Amino acid sequence: MSTFLSLGEIMVEIAPAEGGLFRKGYAGDTFNTAWYARRLLPEDWEVSYGTVVGSDAVSNDMLRFIADQRIGTERIRRDETRTAGLYMISLENGERSFSYWRGQSAAKTLGNDPAWLDEILKGVDLVQFSGITLAILPPEGREVLCDALARARQAGTHVAFDTNLRPRLWESAETMAGGLRMGAAVSDTVMPSFDEEQLCFGDTLPDETIARYRALGAGCVAVKNGAEMCHVWSDGEGDYRFDPPPVAQVVDSTAAGDSFGAGFLATRVLGGSVAEATQAAAGLAARVIQKRGALAPEIFEGDET
């Protein structure tokens, strides 16, 4: 059986519901990618999540939720001293904003145990992580994680990096730029968003973004650009450009990039070309942003996977 592994942080989500109440759920950027990948990949692919959670009731509920989504939990470590991170969604005139409580998040210890990282990465076909995965870690934890990913890559694992930028999580703009370079340098596939690359590096063209990650060793770079043209390059197929399908109404852009990553990577590991992967990814993201919430099971109704 082949294995698709996502590494990062899944959080408790508190979202507005009817009558001034709130609804509890679970989400997080790399978990969202795993969730969509599970629905895109056939059953002979294991989709698993790697993180650290606490040992309290909310962490137990979180593990049950992950398992209920048919995502493997055997690569999740427990930390007796910590719990899960939490975020609350606020809505005003249809716009979402977020408040975070992640100071005691167990996922912040993801880089604490290099032997455990080597063990969970052993034999994995593809591992996916993000800029948020790195940003929540202390500087030494980032280095430990990237070293483990480099070893896995050397052993034959395909490493994919969604740069997913959250400036407030980083110590400084310089540290953020260095962290993205560090993550990209151990990756085969890099999936940046052009507006974030403009913010972080001052890029004026997507080709500059591609050139930077090529120079760091990536064999494929897929630059997302919202409703604008996707710019993709791979060492085997060269340059590819694709205009995403138009969307009449964006209901919720949450998980647009996460689902794009799932569509792109799932297509590639099943043997699809860069063009096929980009089209599948953009098409999935277009469907997701027309639904509310990070996870949109209704778009898969009727599917057998």
C-alpha atoms as a PDB file:
ATOM      1  CA  MET A   1       0.000   0.000   0.000  1.00  0.00           C
ATOM      2  CA  SER A   2       1.256   3.501  -0.860  1.00  0.00           C
ATOM      3  CA  THR A   3       1.210   6.271   1.754  1.00  0.00           C
ATOM      4  CA  PHE A   4       0.315   9.970   1.559  1.00  0.00           C
ATOM      5  CA  LEU A   5       1.293  11.719   4.803  1.00  0.00           C
ATOM      6  CA  SER A   6       0.537  15.294   5.848  1.00  0.00           C
ATOM      7  CA  LEU A   7       2.454  16.902   8.730  1.00  0.00           C
ATOM      8  CA  GLY A   8       1.281  19.861  10.770  1.00  0.00           C
ATOM      9  CA  GLU A   9      -1.349  21.043  13.218  1.00  0.00           C
ATOM     10  CA  ILE A  10      -5.039  20.229  13.390  1.00  0.00           C
ATOM     11  CA  MET A  11      -6.945  22.627  15.639  1.00  0.00           C
ATOM     12  CA  VAL A  12     -10.297  22.859  17.345  1.00  0.00           C
ATOM     13  CA  GLU A  13     -12.528  25.141  15.279  1.00  0.00           C
ATOM     14  CA  ILE A  14     -15.284  27.148  16.977  1.00  0.00           C
ATOM     15  CA  ALA A  15     -17.617  28.491  14.287  1.00  0.00           C
ATOM     16  CA  PRO A  16     -20.817  30.569  14.523  1.00  0.00           C
ATOM     17  CA  ALA A  17     -24.071  28.632  14.418  1.00  0.00           C
ATOM     18  CA  GLU A  18     -27.755  29.562  14.699  1.00  0.00           C
ATOM     19  CA  GLY A  19     -29.093  31.566  17.637  1.00  0.00           C
ATOM     20  CA  GLY A  20     -25.785  33.032  18.742  1.00  0.00           C
ATOM     21  CA  LEU A  21     -24.385  29.578  19.506  1.00  0.00           C
ATOM     22  CA  PHE A  22     -21.109  28.097  18.283  1.00  0.00           C
ATOM     23  CA  ARG A  23     -20.303  24.760  16.663  1.00  0.00           C
ATOM     24  CA  LYS A  24     -17.151  22.763  17.389  1.00  0.00           C
ATOM     25  CA  GLY A  25     -15.188  21.245  14.538  1.00  0.00           C
ATOM     26  CA  TYR A  26     -11.607  20.404  13.609  1.00  0.00           C
ATOM     27  CA  ALA A  27      -9.454  21.775  10.794  1.00  0.00           C
ATOM     28  CA  GLY A  28      -5.971  22.975   9.880  1.00  0.00           C
ATOM     29  CA  ASP A  29      -4.200  23.627   6.606  1.00  0.00           C
ATOM     30  CA  THR A  30      -2.282  20.362   6.172  1.00  0.00           C
ATOM     31  CA  PHE A  31      -5.105  18.340   7.700  1.00  0.00           C
ATOM     32  CA  ASN A  32      -7.467  19.904   5.146  1.00  0.00           C
ATOM     33  CA  THR A  33      -5.120  18.742   2.386  1.00  0.00           C
ATOM     34  CA  ALA A  34      -5.103  15.213   3.824  1.00  0.00           C
ATOM     35  CA  TRP A  35      -8.898  15.281   4.083  1.00  0.00           C
ATOM     36  CA  TYR A  36      -9.294  16.153   0.394  1.00  0.00           C
ATOM     37  CA  ALA A  37      -6.539  13.735  -0.641  1.00  0.00           C
ATOM     38  CA  ARG A  38      -8.385  10.900   1.111  1.00  0.00           C
ATOM     39  CA  ARG A  39     -11.388  11.571  -1.115  1.00  0.00           C
ATOM     40  CA  LEU A  40      -9.298  11.776  -4.280  1.00  0.00           C
ATOM     41  CA  LEU A  41      -7.000   8.788  -3.839  1.00  0.00           C
ATOM     42  CA  PRO A  42      -8.057   5.151  -4.262  1.00  0.00           C
ATOM     43  CA  GLU A  43      -8.254   2.806  -1.294  1.00  0.00           C
ATOM     44  CA  ASP A  44      -4.881   1.236  -2.047  1.00  0.00           C
ATOM     45  CA  TRP A  45      -3.426   4.549  -0.856  1.00  0.00           C
ATOM     46  CA  GLU A  46      -3.177   5.120   2.876  1.00  0.00           C
ATOM     47  CA  VAL A  47      -3.715   8.772   3.830  1.00  0.00           C
ATOM     48  CA  SER A  48      -2.262   9.551   7.238  1.00  0.00           C
ATOM     49  CA  TYR A  49      -1.717  12.580   9.464  1.00  0.00           C
ATOM     50  CA  GLY A  50       1.383  13.302  11.508  1.00  0.00           C
ATOM     51  CA  THR A  51       1.181  15.658  14.467  1.00  0.00           C
ATOM     52  CA  VAL A  52       1.311  15.814  18.260  1.00  0.00           C
ATOM     53  CA  VAL A  53      -1.806  16.064  20.415  1.00  0.00           C
ATOM     54  CA  GLY A  54      -2.496  16.081  24.148  1.00  0.00           C
ATOM     55  CA  SER A  55      -4.036  13.374  26.296  1.00  0.00           C
ATOM     56  CA  ASP A  56      -7.127  15.300  27.402  1.00  0.00           C
ATOM     57  CA  ALA A  57     -10.744  14.832  26.342  1.00  0.00           C
ATOM     58  CA  VAL A  58     -10.599  17.297  23.445  1.00  0.00           C
ATOM     59  CA  SER A  59      -7.490  15.565  22.060  1.00  0.00           C
ATOM     60  CA  ASN A  60      -9.270  12.205  22.334  1.00  0.00           C
ATOM     61  CA  ASP A  61     -12.254  13.615  20.433  1.00  0.00           C
ATOM     62  CA  MET A  62      -9.892  15.012  17.801  1.00  0.00           C
ATOM     63  CA  LEU A  63      -8.289  11.608  17.233  1.00  0.00           C
ATOM     64  CA  ARG A  64     -11.720   9.994  16.865  1.00  0.00           C
ATOM     65  CA  PHE A  65     -12.661  12.657  14.319  1.00  0.00           C
ATOM     66  CA  ILE A  66      -9.498  12.056  12.277  1.00  0.00           C
ATOM     67  CA  ALA A  67     -10.082   8.314  12.277  1.00  0.00           C
ATOM     68  CA  ASP A  68     -13.721   8.807  11.288  1.00  0.00           C
ATOM     69  CA  GLN A  69     -12.485  10.622   8.172  1.00  0.00           C
ATOM     70  CA  ARG A  70     -10.558   7.457   7.194  1.00  0.00           C
ATOM     71  CA  ILE A  71      -7.253   9.211   7.860  1.00  0.00           C
ATOM     72  CA  GLY A  72      -4.602   7.237   9.712  1.00  0.00           C
ATOM     73  CA  THR A  73      -3.714   8.278  13.262  1.00  0.00           C
ATOM     74  CA  GLU A  74      -0.813   5.903  13.910  1.00  0.00           C
ATOM     75  CA  ARG A  75       1.697   8.686  13.165  1.00  0.00           C
ATOM     76  CA  ILE A  76       0.292  10.957  15.890  1.00  0.00           C
ATOM     77  CA  ARG A  77       2.282  11.315  19.119  1.00  0.00           C
ATOM     78  CA  ARG A  78       0.837  12.217  22.524  1.00  0.00           C
ATOM     79  CA  ASP A  79       2.176  14.936  24.838  1.00  0.00           C
ATOM     80  CA  GLU A  80       0.912  14.604  28.408  1.00  0.00           C
ATOM     81  CA  THR A  81       1.661  18.253  29.245  1.00  0.00           C
ATOM     82  CA  ARG A  82      -0.163  19.961  26.368  1.00  0.00           C
ATOM     83  CA  THR A  83      -3.521  20.136  24.600  1.00  0.00           C
ATOM     84  CA  ALA A  84      -4.941  21.128  21.208  1.00  0.00           C
ATOM     85  CA  GLY A  85      -4.799  24.596  19.705  1.00  0.00           C
ATOM     86  CA  LEU A  86      -8.096  26.415  19.163  1.00  0.00           C
ATOM     87  CA  TYR A  87      -9.388  29.110  16.839  1.00  0.00           C
ATOM     88  CA  MET A  88     -12.693  30.959  16.683  1.00  0.00           C
ATOM     89  CA  ILE A  89     -14.307  32.261  13.523  1.00  0.00           C
ATOM     90  CA  SER A  90     -16.110  35.612  13.572  1.00  0.00           C
ATOM     91  CA  LEU A  91     -18.395  36.739  10.770  1.00  0.00           C
ATOM     92  CA  GLU A  92     -19.163  40.361   9.907  1.00  0.00           C
ATOM     93  CA  ASN A  93     -20.972  41.287   6.686  1.00  0.00           C
ATOM     94  CA  GLY A  94     -20.062  37.896   5.269  1.00  0.00           C
ATOM     95  CA  GLU A  95     -16.338  38.322   5.955  1.00  0.00           C
ATOM     96  CA  ARG A  96     -14.517  35.872   8.209  1.00  0.00           C
ATOM     97  CA  SER A  97     -11.885  36.772  10.769  1.00  0.00           C
ATOM     98  CA  PHE A  98     -10.040  34.491  13.168  1.00  0.00           C
ATOM     99  CA  SER A  99      -8.867  34.549  16.776  1.00  0.00           C
ATOM    100  CA  TYR A 100      -6.289  31.942  17.833  1.00  0.00           C
ATOM    101  CA  TRP A 101      -5.329  30.234  21.102  1.00  0.00           C
ATOM    102  CA  ARG A 102      -2.394  27.926  20.405  1.00  0.00           C
ATOM    103  CA  GLY A 103       0.120  28.703  23.164  1.00  0.00           C
ATOM    104  CA  GLN A 104      -0.312  25.211  24.704  1.00  0.00           C
ATOM    105  CA  SER A 105      -0.741  23.411  21.373  1.00  0.00           C
ATOM    106  CA  ALA A 106       0.965  20.023  21.465  1.00  0.00           C
ATOM    107  CA  ALA A 107       1.717  20.368  17.738  1.00  0.00           C
ATOM    108  CA  LYS A 108       4.364  22.955  18.615  1.00  0.00           C
ATOM    109  CA  THR A 109       6.517  20.027  19.791  1.00  0.00           C
ATOM    110  CA  LEU A 110       6.419  18.307  16.373  1.00  0.00           C
ATOM    111  CA  GLY A 111      10.162  18.876  15.944  1.00  0.00           C
ATOM    112  CA  ASN A 112      11.201  17.723  19.407  1.00  0.00           C
ATOM    113  CA  ASP A 113      11.937  14.070  18.638  1.00  0.00           C
ATOM    114  CA  PRO A 114      14.078  13.346  15.545  1.00  0.00           C
ATOM    115  CA  ALA A 115      13.970   9.565  16.090  1.00  0.00           C
ATOM    116  CA  TRP A 116      10.163   9.634  16.098  1.00  0.00           C
ATOM    117  CA  LEU A 117      10.131  11.760  12.938  1.00  0.00           C
ATOM    118  CA  ASP A 118      12.436   9.305  11.173  1.00  0.00           C
ATOM    119  CA  GLU A 119      10.136   6.465  12.203  1.00  0.00           C
ATOM    120  CA  ILE A 120       6.898   8.034  10.955  1.00  0.00           C
ATOM    121  CA  LEU A 121       8.531   9.106   7.671  1.00  0.00           C
ATOM    122  CA  LYS A 122       9.983   5.670   6.953  1.00  0.00           C
ATOM    123  CA  GLY A 123       8.579   4.155   3.765  1.00  0.00           C
ATOM    124  CA  VAL A 124       6.215   7.068   3.039  1.00  0.00           C
ATOM    125  CA  ASP A 125       5.673   7.723  -0.674  1.00  0.00           C
ATOM    126  CA  LEU A 126       4.711  11.385  -0.340  1.00  0.00           C
ATOM    127  CA  VAL A 127       4.881  13.726   2.644  1.00  0.00           C
ATOM    128  CA  GLN A 128       3.288  17.165   2.578  1.00  0.00           C
ATOM    129  CA  PHE A 129       3.909  20.034   4.992  1.00  0.00           C
ATOM    130  CA  SER A 130       3.428  23.795   4.995  1.00  0.00           C
ATOM    131  CA  GLY A 131       4.762  27.150   6.042  1.00  0.00           C
ATOM    132  CA  ILE A 132       2.409  26.986   9.027  1.00  0.00           C
ATOM    133  CA  THR A 133       3.914  23.617  10.010  1.00  0.00           C
ATOM    134  CA  LEU A 134       7.279  25.380  10.265  1.00  0.00           C
ATOM    135  CA  ALA A 135       6.006  28.664  11.713  1.00  0.00           C
ATOM    136  CA  ILE A 136       4.464  27.126  14.844  1.00  0.00           C
ATOM    137  CA  LEU A 137       7.755  25.425  15.762  1.00  0.00           C
ATOM    138  CA  PRO A 138      10.638  27.018  17.640  1.00  0.00           C
ATOM    139  CA  PRO A 139      13.729  27.667  15.458  1.00  0.00           C
ATOM    140  CA  GLU A 140      15.476  24.476  16.573  1.00  0.00           C
ATOM    141  CA  GLY A 141      12.308  22.456  15.895  1.00  0.00           C
ATOM    142  CA  ARG A 142      12.204  23.752  12.313  1.00  0.00           C
ATOM    143  CA  GLU A 143      15.738  22.563  11.748  1.00  0.00           C
ATOM    144  CA  VAL A 144      15.013  19.130  13.241  1.00  0.00           C
ATOM    145  CA  LEU A 145      11.914  18.706  11.067  1.00  0.00           C
ATOM    146  CA  CYS A 146      13.633  19.838   7.872  1.00  0.00           C
ATOM    147  CA  ASP A 147      16.604  17.575   8.576  1.00  0.00           C
ATOM    148  CA  ALA A 148      14.222  14.625   8.974  1.00  0.00           C
ATOM    149  CA  LEU A 149      12.458  15.540   5.728  1.00  0.00           C
ATOM    150  CA  ALA A 150      15.805  15.758   3.955  1.00  0.00           C
ATOM    151  CA  ARG A 151      16.683  12.254   5.167  1.00  0.00           C
ATOM    152  CA  ALA A 152      13.308  10.931   4.009  1.00  0.00           C
ATOM    153  CA  ARG A 153      13.779  12.589   0.632  1.00  0.00           C
ATOM    154  CA  GLN A 154      17.202  11.002   0.294  1.00  0.00           C
ATOM    155  CA  ALA A 155      15.565   7.634   1.015  1.00  0.00           C
ATOM    156  CA  GLY A 156      13.050   8.122  -1.813  1.00  0.00           C
ATOM    157  CA  THR A 157      10.085   9.963  -0.263  1.00  0.00           C
ATOM    158  CA  HIS A 158       8.628  12.742  -2.405  1.00  0.00           C
ATOM    159  CA  VAL A 159       8.471  15.894  -0.253  1.00  0.00           C
ATOM    160  CA  ALA A 160       5.858  18.568  -1.040  1.00  0.00           C
ATOM    161  CA  PHE A 161       5.805  22.034   0.538  1.00  0.00           C
ATOM    162  CA  ASP A 162       2.869  24.463   0.534  1.00  0.00           C
ATOM    163  CA  THR A 163       4.490  27.743   1.596  1.00  0.00           C
ATOM    164  CA  ASN A 164       1.203  28.976   3.187  1.00  0.00           C
ATOM    165  CA  LEU A 165       2.233  32.236   4.815  1.00  0.00           C
ATOM    166  CA  ARG A 166       1.032  33.478   8.219  1.00  0.00           C
ATOM    167  CA  PRO A 167       3.335  36.424   9.065  1.00  0.00           C
ATOM    168  CA  ARG A 168       2.049  36.752  12.640  1.00  0.00           C
ATOM    169  CA  LEU A 169       3.356  33.276  13.469  1.00  0.00           C
ATOM    170  CA  TRP A 170       6.957  34.142  12.585  1.00  0.00           C
ATOM    171  CA  GLU A 171       9.441  35.982  14.784  1.00  0.00           C
ATOM    172  CA  SER A 172      10.320  38.464  12.020  1.00  0.00           C
ATOM    173  CA  ALA A 173      10.039  39.012   8.273  1.00  0.00           C
ATOM    174  CA  GLU A 174      13.633  37.831   7.879  1.00  0.00           C
ATOM    175  CA  THR A 175      12.981  34.653   9.840  1.00  0.00           C
ATOM    176  CA  MET A 176       9.874  33.991   7.756  1.00  0.00           C
ATOM    177  CA  ALA A 177      11.776  34.334   4.477  1.00  0.00           C
ATOM    178  CA  GLY A 178      14.524  32.095   5.826  1.00  0.00           C
ATOM    179  CA  GLY A 179      11.987  29.528   6.990  1.00  0.00           C
ATOM    180  CA  LEU A 180      10.379  29.325   3.563  1.00  0.00           C
ATOM    181  CA  ARG A 181      13.764  28.853   1.938  1.00  0.00           C
ATOM    182  CA  MET A 182      14.592  26.157   4.500  1.00  0.00           C
ATOM    183  CA  GLY A 183      11.374  24.267   3.769  1.00  0.00           C
ATOM    184  CA  ALA A 184      11.756  24.596   0.006  1.00  0.00           C
ATOM    185  CA  ALA A 185      15.357  23.381   0.107  1.00  0.00           C
ATOM    186  CA  VAL A 186      14.250  19.923   1.315  1.00  0.00           C
ATOM    187  CA  SER A 187      11.297  19.663  -1.092  1.00  0.00           C
ATOM    188  CA  ASP A 188      10.652  18.164  -4.511  1.00  0.00           C
ATOM    189  CA  THR A 189       7.386  20.053  -5.118  1.00  0.00           C
ATOM    190  CA  VAL A 190       6.773  23.615  -3.898  1.00  0.00           C
ATOM    191  CA  MET A 191       3.313  25.217  -4.075  1.00  0.00           C
ATOM    192  CA  PRO A 192       3.509  28.961  -3.287  1.00  0.00           C
ATOM    193  CA  SER A 193       0.837  31.641  -3.605  1.00  0.00           C
ATOM    194  CA  PHE A 194       1.982  34.615  -5.643  1.00  0.00           C
ATOM    195  CA  ASP A 195       0.453  37.313  -3.399  1.00  0.00           C
ATOM    196  CA  GLU A 196       2.334  35.843  -0.443  1.00  0.00           C
ATOM    197  CA  GLU A 197       5.574  35.695  -2.422  1.00  0.00           C
ATOM    198  CA  GLN A 198       5.121  39.367  -3.270  1.00  0.00           C
ATOM    199  CA  LEU A 199       4.707  40.135   0.426  1.00  0.00           C
ATOM    200  CA  CYS A 200       7.643  38.041   1.579  1.00  0.00           C
ATOM    201  CA  PHE A 201      10.166  38.444  -1.233  1.00  0.00           C
ATOM    202  CA  GLY A 202       8.918  41.383  -3.312  1.00  0.00           C
ATOM    203  CA  ASP A 203       8.345  39.286  -6.439  1.00  0.00           C
ATOM    204  CA  THR A 204       6.897  41.148  -9.404  1.00  0.00           C
ATOM    205  CA  LEU A 205       6.254  38.120 -11.636  1.00  0.00           C
ATOM    206  CA  PRO A 206       5.393  34.467 -10.948  1.00  0.00           C
ATOM    207  CA  ASP A 207       8.465  33.531 -13.000  1.00  0.00           C
ATOM    208  CA  GLU A 208      10.620  35.070 -10.243  1.00  0.00           C
ATOM    209  CA  THR A 209       8.897  32.830  -7.713  1.00  0.00           C
ATOM    210  CA  ILE A 210       9.546  29.772  -9.851  1.00  0.00           C
ATOM    211  CA  ALA A 211      13.191  30.742 -10.363  1.00  0.00           C
ATOM    212  CA  ARG A 212      13.809  31.072  -6.621  1.00  0.00           C
ATOM    213  CA  TYR A 213      12.434  27.630  -5.756  1.00  0.00           C
ATOM    214  CA  ARG A 214      14.129  26.009  -8.750  1.00  0.00           C
ATOM    215  CA  ALA A 215      17.421  27.393  -7.489  1.00  0.00           C
ATOM    216  CA  LEU A 216      16.718  25.830  -4.076  1.00  0.00           C
ATOM    217  CA  GLY A 217      16.363  22.403  -5.667  1.00  0.00           C
ATOM    218  CA  ALA A 218      12.652  21.894  -6.353  1.00  0.00           C
ATOM    219  CA  GLY A 219      11.765  19.746  -9.331  1.00  0.00           C
ATOM    220  CA  CYS A 220       8.243  21.182  -9.627  1.00  0.00           C
ATOM    221  CA  VAL A 221       6.852  24.602  -8.670  1.00  0.00           C
ATOM    222  CA  ALA A 222       3.116  25.374  -8.887  1.00  0.00           C
ATOM    223  CA  VAL A 223       2.371  29.061  -8.305  1.00  0.00           C
ATOM    224  CA  LYS A 224      -1.226  29.728  -7.261  1.00  0.00           C
ATOM    225  CA  ASN A 225      -2.563  33.190  -8.016  1.00  0.00           C
ATOM    226  CA  GLY A 226      -6.189  33.352  -6.906  1.00  0.00           C
ATOM    227  CA  ALA A 227      -8.475  33.825  -9.884  1.00  0.00           C
ATOM    228  CA  GLU A 228      -5.497  34.708 -12.081  1.00  0.00           C
ATOM    229  CA  MET A 229      -3.413  32.353 -14.205  1.00  0.00           C
ATOM    230  CA  CYS A 230      -1.543  29.501 -12.504  1.00  0.00           C
ATOM    231  CA  HIS A 231       2.145  29.333 -13.447  1.00  0.00           C
ATOM    232  CA  VAL A 232       3.664  25.867 -13.150  1.00  0.00           C
ATOM    233  CA  TRP A 233       7.082  24.477 -13.984  1.00  0.00           C
ATOM    234  CA  SER A 234       8.518  20.981 -13.702  1.00  0.00           C
ATOM    235  CA  ASP A 235      11.922  19.650 -14.641  1.00  0.00           C
ATOM    236  CA  GLY A 236      10.348  16.931 -16.770  1.00  0.00           C
ATOM    237  CA  GLU A 237       7.603  18.891 -18.543  1.00  0.00           C
ATOM    238  CA  GLY A 238       8.754  22.513 -18.565  1.00  0.00           C
ATOM    239  CA  ASP A 239       6.404  25.480 -18.237  1.00  0.00           C
ATOM    240  CA  TYR A 240       2.619  25.273 -18.097  1.00  0.00           C
ATOM    241  CA  ARG A 241       0.029  28.044 -17.739  1.00  0.00           C
ATOM    242  CA  PHE A 242      -3.626  27.593 -16.815  1.00  0.00           C
ATOM    243  CA  ASP A 243      -6.513  29.992 -16.243  1.00  0.00           C
ATOM    244  CA  PRO A 244      -8.668  28.690 -13.357  1.00  0.00           C
ATOM    245  CA  PRO A 245     -12.370  28.176 -14.073  1.00  0.00           C
ATOM    246  CA  PRO A 246     -14.474  31.264 -13.281  1.00  0.00           C
ATOM    247  CA  VAL A 247     -16.497  31.235 -10.060  1.00  0.00           C
ATOM    248  CA  ALA A 248     -19.731  33.221 -10.003  1.00  0.00           C
ATOM    249  CA  GLN A 249     -19.733  33.701  -6.226  1.00  0.00           C
ATOM    250  CA  VAL A 250     -17.002  33.009  -3.701  1.00  0.00           C
ATOM    251  CA  VAL A 251     -18.782  31.903  -0.536  1.00  0.00           C
ATOM    252  CA  ASP A 252     -15.736  31.052   1.582  1.00  0.00           C
ATOM    253  CA  SER A 253     -12.120  31.017   0.420  1.00  0.00           C
ATOM    254  CA  THR A 254     -11.004  28.905   3.386  1.00  0.00           C
ATOM    255  CA  ALA A 255      -9.035  25.844   2.202  1.00  0.00           C
ATOM    256  CA  ALA A 256      -8.737  27.069  -1.384  1.00  0.00           C
ATOM    257  CA  GLY A 257      -4.988  26.494  -1.322  1.00  0.00           C
ATOM    258  CA  ASP A 258      -5.278  23.355   0.813  1.00  0.00           C
ATOM    259  CA  SER A 259      -7.647  21.708  -1.648  1.00  0.00           C
ATOM    260  CA  PHE A 260      -5.532  22.886  -4.608  1.00  0.00           C
ATOM    261  CA  GLY A 261      -2.580  21.088  -3.038  1.00  0.00           C
ATOM    262  CA  ALA A 262      -4.594  17.909  -2.560  1.00  0.00           C
ATOM    263  CA  GLY A 263      -5.819  17.946  -6.148  1.00  0.00           C
ATOM    264  CA  PHE A 264      -2.360  18.641  -7.551  1.00  0.00           C
ATOM    265  CA  LEU A 265      -0.483  16.074  -5.467  1.00  0.00           C
ATOM    266  CA  ALA A 266      -3.104  13.325  -5.748  1.00  0.00           C
ATOM    267  CA  THR A 267      -3.111  13.628  -9.530  1.00  0.00           C
ATOM    268  CA  ARG A 268       0.682  13.581  -9.700  1.00  0.00           C
ATOM    269  CA  VAL A 269       1.161  10.510  -7.488  1.00  0.00           C
ATOM    270  CA  LEU A 270      -1.361   8.652  -9.648  1.00  0.00           C
ATOM    271  CA  GLY A 271       0.740   9.382 -12.723  1.00  0.00           C
ATOM    272  CA  GLY A 272      -0.968  12.501 -14.056  1.00  0.00           C
ATOM    273  CA  SER A 273       0.898  15.174 -15.982  1.00  0.00           C
ATOM    274  CA  VAL A 274       1.552  18.679 -14.672  1.00  0.00           C
ATOM    275  CA  ALA A 275      -1.252  19.952 -16.911  1.00  0.00           C
ATOM    276  CA  GLU A 276      -3.716  17.349 -15.615  1.00  0.00           C
ATOM    277  CA  ALA A 277      -2.689  18.022 -12.014  1.00  0.00           C
ATOM    278  CA  THR A 278      -3.084  21.791 -12.357  1.00  0.00           C
ATOM    279  CA  GLN A 279      -6.492  21.488 -13.976  1.00  0.00           C
ATOM    280  CA  ALA A 280      -7.704  19.036 -11.335  1.00  0.00           C
ATOM    281  CA  ALA A 281      -6.369  21.214  -8.525  1.00  0.00           C
ATOM    282  CA  ALA A 282      -7.881  24.441  -9.814  1.00  0.00           C
ATOM    283  CA  GLY A 283     -11.185  22.723 -10.506  1.00  0.00           C
ATOM    284  CA  LEU A 284     -11.380  21.304  -6.992  1.00  0.00           C
ATOM    285  CA  ALA A 285     -10.477  24.636  -5.384  1.00  0.00           C
ATOM    286  CA  ALA A 286     -13.168  26.358  -7.451  1.00  0.00           C
ATOM    287  CA  ARG A 287     -15.783  23.952  -6.080  1.00  0.00           C
ATOM    288  CA  VAL A 288     -14.542  24.279  -2.502  1.00  0.00           C
ATOM    289  CA  ILE A 289     -14.720  28.080  -2.372  1.00  0.00           C
ATOM    290  CA  GLN A 290     -18.384  27.953  -3.350  1.00  0.00           C
ATOM    291  CA  LYS A 291     -19.145  26.110  -0.077  1.00  0.00           C
ATOM    292  CA  ARG A 292     -18.901  27.290   3.512  1.00  0.00           C
ATOM    293  CA  GLY A 293     -16.146  25.922   5.721  1.00  0.00           C
ATOM    294  CA  ALA A 294     -12.751  24.335   5.203  1.00  0.00           C
ATOM    295  CA  LEU A 295     -14.130  20.831   4.572  1.00  0.00           C
ATOM    296  CA  ALA A 296     -16.857  20.452   1.960  1.00  0.00           C
ATOM    297  CA  PRO A 297     -18.131  16.845   1.904  1.00  0.00           C
ATOM    298  CA  GLU A 298     -21.133  17.801  -0.203  1.00  0.00           C
ATOM    299  CA  ILE A 299     -18.971  18.264  -3.313  1.00  0.00           C
ATOM    300  CA  PHE A 300     -18.107  14.555  -3.153  1.00  0.00           C
ATOM    301  CA  GLU A 301     -21.630  13.246  -2.721  1.00  0.00           C
ATOM    302  CA  GLY A 302     -22.124  10.334  -5.061  1.00  0.00           C
ATOM    303  CA  ASP A 303     -18.384   9.627  -5.343  1.00  0.00           C
ATOM    304  CA  GLU A 304     -17.269   6.109  -4.457  1.00  0.00           C
ATOM    305  CA  THR A 305     -13.832   7.057  -3.061  1.00  0.00           C
END
